Amino acid sequence: KMLRFIVQRANKGGNVIVESYGAENLPEQDGFVMYPNHQGLYDVLAIAGACSRTFTVVAKKEVEHIPFLKQVFACIHALFMDRENLRQSMQVINEAADAVKEGKNVILFPEGTRSRKGNEILEFKAGTFKSAVNAKCPIVPVALIDSFKPFDTPSIKQETVQVHFLEPIPYSQYMGLKTTEIAHLVHDRIQAKIDNQLK
């Protein structure tokens, strides 16, 4: 409830409209991983505004104490990753898998950092998909469009952010794939959705 309140205030104060598509694609049962493209600091709020399901998120430690965002991360009990520390990063990936096994939903940004290229997405890091593989859970690709505009551009005009929840990929469909192959699969589905929407 606190997170919903924060999102509503942020959207009203920032003059942001969130359009949600495909929420019906989310698995009925909790315990899945959402893999969105990473556009900006607003991404988690966009997903929270578009999705009624509870979730936690894996975030880089550099954003842990950013004003306003730290309250959001506190609400959802975020897991923080030190990208310079491989052992700690793998520990967080394993913690995310354990959370999913316990029936929680997790957001992991497979690019590892903000694209800073607008609606063009970067290569996905295979390691982030180990959480889903270890949890043997559904993967939900999420396509974010214009999510970089509210917090990462100086504009004060009204902005519309699109959140597309794509068809989930059950474990049975990726269980035999390498994490690099899963990364390419999810990347291409998200990029195809973005390209199609921007035509």
Protein backbone atom coordinates (compact mmCIF):
# COMPACT_ATOMS: atom_id res chain seq x y z
CA LYS A 1 0.00 0.00 0.00
CA MET A 2 2.85 2.35 0.80
CA LEU A 3 4.46 1.65 -2.57
CA ARG A 4 1.18 2.36 -4.40
CA PHE A 5 0.91 5.66 -2.49
CA ILE A 6 4.48 6.61 -3.43
CA VAL A 7 3.86 5.77 -7.11
CA GLN A 8 0.67 7.83 -7.19
CA ARG A 9 2.43 10.81 -5.67
CA ALA A 10 5.39 10.47 -8.00
CA ASN A 11 3.18 10.26 -11.07
CA LYS A 12 1.09 13.22 -10.02
CA GLY A 13 4.07 15.36 -9.06
CA GLY A 14 6.08 14.36 -12.11
CA ASN A 15 3.16 14.65 -14.54
CA VAL A 16 3.58 11.03 -15.65
CA ILE A 17 1.00 8.70 -17.17
CA VAL A 18 1.71 4.96 -17.02
CA GLU A 19 0.03 2.80 -19.65
CA SER A 20 -0.07 -0.90 -18.80
CA TYR A 21 -0.40 -3.65 -21.37
CA GLY A 22 -0.47 -7.43 -21.01
CA ALA A 23 -0.98 -7.66 -17.24
CA GLU A 24 -3.13 -10.69 -18.02
CA ASN A 25 0.08 -12.43 -19.14
CA LEU A 26 1.45 -12.49 -15.60
CA PRO A 27 1.39 -16.02 -14.17
CA GLU A 28 -1.56 -16.66 -11.87
CA GLN A 29 0.74 -18.08 -9.21
CA ASP A 30 3.44 -15.94 -7.61
CA GLY A 31 7.04 -17.06 -7.85
CA PHE A 32 8.31 -15.68 -11.15
CA VAL A 33 11.05 -13.35 -12.42
CA MET A 34 10.35 -10.26 -14.50
CA TYR A 35 13.17 -9.23 -16.83
CA PRO A 36 12.64 -5.66 -18.12
CA ASN A 37 14.91 -3.54 -20.27
CA HIS A 38 16.55 -0.83 -18.14
CA GLN A 39 15.94 2.74 -19.27
CA GLY A 40 16.18 4.90 -16.18
CA LEU A 41 15.61 5.55 -12.49
CA TYR A 42 11.85 5.54 -13.02
CA ASP A 43 11.68 1.92 -14.24
CA VAL A 44 10.68 0.28 -10.95
CA LEU A 45 7.99 2.89 -10.33
CA ALA A 46 6.65 2.35 -13.85
CA ILE A 47 6.32 -1.39 -13.26
CA ALA A 48 4.77 -0.82 -9.83
CA GLY A 49 2.25 1.54 -11.42
CA ALA A 50 1.37 -0.99 -14.10
CA CYS A 51 1.31 -4.15 -11.99
CA SER A 52 -0.88 -4.97 -9.00
CA ARG A 53 1.36 -7.87 -7.92
CA THR A 54 3.89 -7.52 -5.14
CA PHE A 55 7.57 -7.89 -6.01
CA THR A 56 11.10 -7.17 -4.93
CA VAL A 57 13.94 -5.95 -7.13
CA VAL A 58 17.66 -6.50 -7.54
CA ALA A 59 19.34 -3.09 -7.77
CA LYS A 60 22.91 -1.85 -7.92
CA LYS A 61 24.23 -0.63 -4.57
CA GLU A 62 24.92 2.85 -6.02
CA VAL A 63 21.20 3.70 -5.97
CA GLU A 64 20.55 2.37 -2.47
CA HIS A 65 20.65 5.80 -0.82
CA ILE A 66 19.21 8.04 -3.54
CA PRO A 67 16.50 10.21 -1.92
CA PHE A 68 12.96 9.04 -2.66
CA LEU A 69 14.17 5.84 -4.33
CA LYS A 70 15.51 4.53 -1.02
CA GLN A 71 11.97 4.69 0.38
CA VAL A 72 10.74 2.69 -2.60
CA PHE A 73 13.47 0.08 -2.12
CA ALA A 74 12.65 -0.15 1.58
CA CYS A 75 8.99 -0.87 0.77
CA ILE A 76 9.84 -3.78 -1.49
CA HIS A 77 12.84 -5.12 0.48
CA ALA A 78 15.19 -4.69 -2.48
CA LEU A 79 18.37 -6.73 -2.85
CA PHE A 80 21.47 -4.68 -3.61
CA MET A 81 24.27 -5.87 -5.83
CA ASP A 82 27.89 -4.72 -5.84
CA ARG A 83 28.77 -5.07 -9.51
CA GLU A 84 32.48 -4.78 -8.72
CA ASN A 85 32.33 -7.82 -6.45
CA LEU A 86 31.65 -11.00 -8.42
CA ARG A 87 31.19 -13.19 -5.34
CA GLN A 88 28.70 -10.79 -3.77
CA SER A 89 26.88 -10.45 -7.10
CA MET A 90 26.45 -14.21 -7.38
CA GLN A 91 25.25 -14.33 -3.79
CA VAL A 92 22.53 -11.82 -4.62
CA ILE A 93 21.56 -13.81 -7.73
CA ASN A 94 21.18 -16.87 -5.48
CA GLU A 95 19.20 -14.87 -2.91
CA ALA A 96 16.85 -13.77 -5.67
CA ALA A 97 16.37 -17.40 -6.70
CA ASP A 98 15.63 -18.36 -3.09
CA ALA A 99 13.05 -15.55 -2.86
CA VAL A 100 11.31 -16.87 -5.98
CA LYS A 101 11.30 -20.41 -4.59
CA GLU A 102 9.53 -18.97 -1.54
CA GLY A 103 6.78 -17.64 -3.81
CA LYS A 104 7.96 -14.06 -4.24
CA ASN A 105 8.22 -12.21 -7.53
CA VAL A 106 11.53 -10.59 -8.45
CA ILE A 107 12.58 -7.93 -10.97
CA LEU A 108 16.04 -8.33 -12.48
CA PHE A 109 17.44 -5.89 -15.05
CA PRO A 110 19.49 -8.07 -17.43
CA GLU A 111 21.31 -5.13 -19.02
CA GLY A 112 22.96 -4.50 -15.66
CA THR A 113 22.88 -0.74 -16.15
CA ARG A 114 20.68 1.91 -17.72
CA SER A 115 20.79 1.91 -21.50
CA ARG A 116 21.11 5.72 -21.80
CA LYS A 117 20.14 5.20 -25.44
CA GLY A 118 16.44 5.89 -25.10
CA ASN A 119 14.40 2.99 -26.42
CA GLU A 120 17.42 1.10 -27.71
CA ILE A 121 18.37 -1.76 -25.42
CA LEU A 122 21.83 -3.07 -24.58
CA GLU A 123 23.09 -6.64 -24.60
CA PHE A 124 21.64 -8.78 -21.81
CA LYS A 125 24.01 -10.33 -19.26
CA ALA A 126 23.57 -14.10 -19.13
CA GLY A 127 24.38 -14.31 -15.41
CA THR A 128 21.16 -12.57 -14.39
CA PHE A 129 19.16 -15.49 -15.79
CA LYS A 130 20.73 -17.90 -13.32
CA SER A 131 18.12 -16.76 -10.80
CA ALA A 132 15.30 -18.07 -12.99
CA VAL A 133 17.20 -21.25 -13.91
CA ASN A 134 17.93 -22.01 -10.26
CA ALA A 135 14.35 -21.31 -9.23
CA LYS A 136 12.93 -23.23 -12.23
CA CYS A 137 10.30 -20.52 -12.56
CA PRO A 138 8.46 -18.66 -15.33
CA ILE A 139 10.33 -15.79 -16.98
CA VAL A 140 8.26 -12.70 -17.79
CA PRO A 141 9.89 -10.38 -20.35
CA VAL A 142 8.87 -6.75 -19.76
CA ALA A 143 9.21 -4.05 -22.42
CA LEU A 144 9.55 -0.50 -21.11
CA ILE A 145 9.07 2.39 -23.52
CA ASP A 146 9.95 6.02 -22.69
CA SER A 147 10.60 5.12 -19.04
CA PHE A 148 13.81 7.17 -19.19
CA LYS A 149 11.90 10.42 -19.66
CA PRO A 150 10.42 11.14 -16.18
CA PHE A 151 13.66 11.02 -14.12
CA ASP A 152 16.45 11.03 -16.69
CA THR A 153 15.54 14.01 -18.87
CA PRO A 154 15.05 17.69 -17.89
CA SER A 155 11.60 17.90 -19.48
CA ILE A 156 8.69 19.13 -17.33
CA LYS A 157 5.97 18.33 -19.87
CA GLN A 158 3.63 15.42 -19.37
CA GLU A 159 5.24 12.10 -20.24
CA THR A 160 3.59 8.78 -21.06
CA VAL A 161 5.43 5.59 -20.15
CA GLN A 162 4.43 2.23 -21.59
CA VAL A 163 4.86 -1.04 -19.69
CA HIS A 164 4.29 -4.22 -21.70
CA PHE A 165 4.18 -7.56 -19.87
CA LEU A 166 4.95 -10.11 -22.56
CA GLU A 167 3.91 -13.74 -22.66
CA PRO A 168 5.78 -15.67 -19.97
CA ILE A 169 8.35 -18.32 -20.81
CA PRO A 170 7.75 -21.40 -18.61
CA TYR A 171 10.72 -23.34 -17.28
CA SER A 172 9.86 -26.25 -19.58
CA GLN A 173 10.65 -24.05 -22.59
CA TYR A 174 14.11 -22.91 -21.48
CA MET A 175 15.33 -25.70 -19.19
CA GLY A 176 17.68 -27.07 -21.83
CA LEU A 177 19.12 -23.73 -22.91
CA LYS A 178 22.35 -22.05 -21.83
CA THR A 179 21.91 -18.78 -19.96
CA THR A 180 23.43 -16.96 -22.95
CA GLU A 181 20.70 -18.44 -25.16
CA ILE A 182 17.99 -17.46 -22.68
CA ALA A 183 19.41 -13.93 -22.60
CA HIS A 184 19.21 -13.65 -26.39
CA LEU A 185 15.68 -15.05 -26.41
CA VAL A 186 14.36 -12.56 -23.87
CA HIS A 187 16.33 -9.66 -25.38
CA ASP A 188 14.92 -10.27 -28.85
CA ARG A 189 11.33 -10.53 -27.64
CA ILE A 190 11.58 -7.24 -25.77
CA GLN A 191 13.32 -5.45 -28.64
CA ALA A 192 10.71 -6.74 -31.10
CA LYS A 193 7.89 -5.38 -28.92
CA ILE A 194 9.58 -1.99 -28.58
CA ASP A 195 10.27 -1.77 -32.32
CA ASN A 196 6.70 -2.74 -33.13
CA GLN A 197 5.23 -0.15 -30.76
CA LEU A 198 7.44 2.65 -32.07
CA LYS A 199 6.59 2.07 -35.75
